[in-house]
Structure formats: structure tokens, C-alpha cells
Amino acid sequence: MAFFDNEFDIKSLAEGRVEAVAKVTGSGKYSAEYEVKNVCYAVLVDSTIAAGKIQNIDTASAMLADGVITIITHTNK
């Protein structure tokens, strides 16, 4: 395998890492550096109770918060 014969031969890059040289030399972009318009973020909230049963989830006040689009729970269909 030519790639492993000379580990410093940048002309023979590994197939899965075509951006490797650009990233380590500072000219490559990482995913966080791309500008994306109209992005919707999600936040996952987990339970602090290891085993229990949900009696209800009051999402009314959370839905009133600025920027909230929707709240997804186990009751959404």
C-alpha cells in the first residue's frame, strides 16, 4: 500500500481523510465554521430519576418562551 510506505507523502492521502492536510495546515473548514441560515436548535432534557412513571408534563410556560417552536415529548404523535 503506497500510502503507508511513506507516512509523510501528502500526495497519497488516505481515501477517507481528503481534508486532513487542509485542516492541519489551518486552511480547512470545520463544520462549526460554515454559516447556516434559519437554523433550529434542539435541547434534550433527561431525567434525574432512574426508574419512574411520568404522570404529566406541563409545557405551557415553556411554549411561551421567546423562540420556542415546539416541545416534543413522548405524548407527541
C-alpha atoms as a PDB file:
ATOM      1  CA  MET A   1       0.000   0.000   0.000  1.00  0.00           C
ATOM      2  CA  ALA A   2       1.662   3.170  -1.196  1.00  0.00           C
ATOM      3  CA  PHE A   3       0.084   5.385   1.445  1.00  0.00           C
ATOM      4  CA  PHE A   4       1.761   3.515   4.303  1.00  0.00           C
ATOM      5  CA  ASP A   5       5.154   3.268   2.570  1.00  0.00           C
ATOM      6  CA  ASN A   6       5.916   6.946   3.190  1.00  0.00           C
ATOM      7  CA  GLU A   7       3.941   8.438   6.049  1.00  0.00           C
ATOM      8  CA  PHE A   8       4.979  11.977   5.053  1.00  0.00           C
ATOM      9  CA  ASP A   9       3.917  11.677   1.408  1.00  0.00           C
ATOM     10  CA  ILE A  10       0.982  14.127   1.270  1.00  0.00           C
ATOM     11  CA  LYS A  11       0.264  13.283  -2.358  1.00  0.00           C
ATOM     12  CA  SER A  12      -1.097   9.871  -1.333  1.00  0.00           C
ATOM     13  CA  LEU A  13      -3.829  10.775   1.137  1.00  0.00           C
ATOM     14  CA  ALA A  14      -5.953   8.130   2.761  1.00  0.00           C
ATOM     15  CA  GLU A  15      -9.276   7.798   0.985  1.00  0.00           C
ATOM     16  CA  GLY A  16     -11.463   8.790   3.946  1.00  0.00           C
ATOM     17  CA  ARG A  17      -9.454  11.870   5.018  1.00  0.00           C
ATOM     18  CA  VAL A  18      -9.317  14.079   1.945  1.00  0.00           C
ATOM     19  CA  GLU A  19      -9.461  17.222   4.135  1.00  0.00           C
ATOM     20  CA  ALA A  20      -6.667  16.188   6.509  1.00  0.00           C
ATOM     21  CA  VAL A  21      -3.837  18.313   5.090  1.00  0.00           C
ATOM     22  CA  ALA A  22      -6.081  21.373   4.772  1.00  0.00           C
ATOM     23  CA  LYS A  23      -7.213  21.079   8.382  1.00  0.00           C
ATOM     24  CA  VAL A  24      -3.799  20.574   9.968  1.00  0.00           C
ATOM     25  CA  THR A  25      -2.314  23.435   7.939  1.00  0.00           C
ATOM     26  CA  GLY A  26      -5.123  25.772   9.006  1.00  0.00           C
ATOM     27  CA  SER A  27      -6.807  26.263   5.627  1.00  0.00           C
ATOM     28  CA  GLY A  28      -9.585  23.684   6.045  1.00  0.00           C
ATOM     29  CA  LYS A  29     -13.017  24.480   7.445  1.00  0.00           C
ATOM     30  CA  TYR A  30     -14.580  22.598  10.320  1.00  0.00           C
ATOM     31  CA  SER A  31     -18.345  22.057  10.449  1.00  0.00           C
ATOM     32  CA  ALA A  32     -18.850  24.831  13.018  1.00  0.00           C
ATOM     33  CA  GLU A  33     -17.256  27.359  10.651  1.00  0.00           C
ATOM     34  CA  TYR A  34     -19.935  27.129   7.950  1.00  0.00           C
ATOM     35  CA  GLU A  35     -22.695  29.740   8.066  1.00  0.00           C
ATOM     36  CA  VAL A  36     -26.158  28.189   8.021  1.00  0.00           C
ATOM     37  CA  LYS A  37     -29.238  30.392   7.864  1.00  0.00           C
ATOM     38  CA  ASN A  38     -32.536  29.682   9.667  1.00  0.00           C
ATOM     39  CA  VAL A  39     -31.111  27.025  11.970  1.00  0.00           C
ATOM     40  CA  CYS A  40     -33.377  25.388  14.522  1.00  0.00           C
ATOM     41  CA  TYR A  41     -31.652  24.041  17.634  1.00  0.00           C
ATOM     42  CA  ALA A  42     -32.921  21.306  19.926  1.00  0.00           C
ATOM     43  CA  VAL A  43     -32.154  20.612  23.560  1.00  0.00           C
ATOM     44  CA  LEU A  44     -32.529  17.155  25.043  1.00  0.00           C
ATOM     45  CA  VAL A  45     -33.565  17.127  28.688  1.00  0.00           C
ATOM     46  CA  ASP A  46     -33.095  13.879  30.534  1.00  0.00           C
ATOM     47  CA  SER A  47     -34.477  12.692  33.834  1.00  0.00           C
ATOM     48  CA  THR A  48     -32.724  12.668  37.170  1.00  0.00           C
ATOM     49  CA  ILE A  49     -34.939   9.780  38.259  1.00  0.00           C
ATOM     50  CA  ALA A  50     -33.598   6.377  37.212  1.00  0.00           C
ATOM     51  CA  ALA A  51     -36.913   4.497  37.286  1.00  0.00           C
ATOM     52  CA  GLY A  52     -40.262   6.183  37.487  1.00  0.00           C
ATOM     53  CA  LYS A  53     -43.525   6.881  35.714  1.00  0.00           C
ATOM     54  CA  ILE A  54     -44.456  10.194  34.102  1.00  0.00           C
ATOM     55  CA  GLN A  55     -47.741  11.486  35.447  1.00  0.00           C
ATOM     56  CA  ASN A  56     -47.820  14.647  33.347  1.00  0.00           C
ATOM     57  CA  ILE A  57     -45.590  17.195  31.650  1.00  0.00           C
ATOM     58  CA  ASP A  58     -46.648  20.845  31.864  1.00  0.00           C
ATOM     59  CA  THR A  59     -45.167  22.533  28.806  1.00  0.00           C
ATOM     60  CA  ALA A  60     -47.441  25.601  28.789  1.00  0.00           C
ATOM     61  CA  SER A  61     -44.947  28.089  30.254  1.00  0.00           C
ATOM     62  CA  ALA A  62     -42.075  26.697  28.170  1.00  0.00           C
ATOM     63  CA  MET A  63     -44.098  27.201  24.973  1.00  0.00           C
ATOM     64  CA  LEU A  64     -44.443  30.891  25.867  1.00  0.00           C
ATOM     65  CA  ALA A  65     -40.666  31.412  25.937  1.00  0.00           C
ATOM     66  CA  ASP A  66     -39.290  33.550  23.125  1.00  0.00           C
ATOM     67  CA  GLY A  67     -38.106  31.499  20.148  1.00  0.00           C
ATOM     68  CA  VAL A  68     -39.663  28.170  21.138  1.00  0.00           C
ATOM     69  CA  ILE A  69     -41.126  26.463  18.073  1.00  0.00           C
ATOM     70  CA  THR A  70     -42.445  23.305  19.681  1.00  0.00           C
ATOM     71  CA  ILE A  71     -41.838  20.887  22.524  1.00  0.00           C
ATOM     72  CA  ILE A  72     -41.534  17.214  21.720  1.00  0.00           C
ATOM     73  CA  THR A  73     -42.443  14.686  24.394  1.00  0.00           C
ATOM     74  CA  HIS A  74     -43.455  11.054  24.458  1.00  0.00           C
ATOM     75  CA  THR A  75     -47.075  12.199  24.010  1.00  0.00           C
ATOM     76  CA  ASN A  76     -46.477  13.735  20.543  1.00  0.00           C
ATOM     77  CA  LYS A  77     -47.926  11.672  17.741  1.00  0.00           C
END
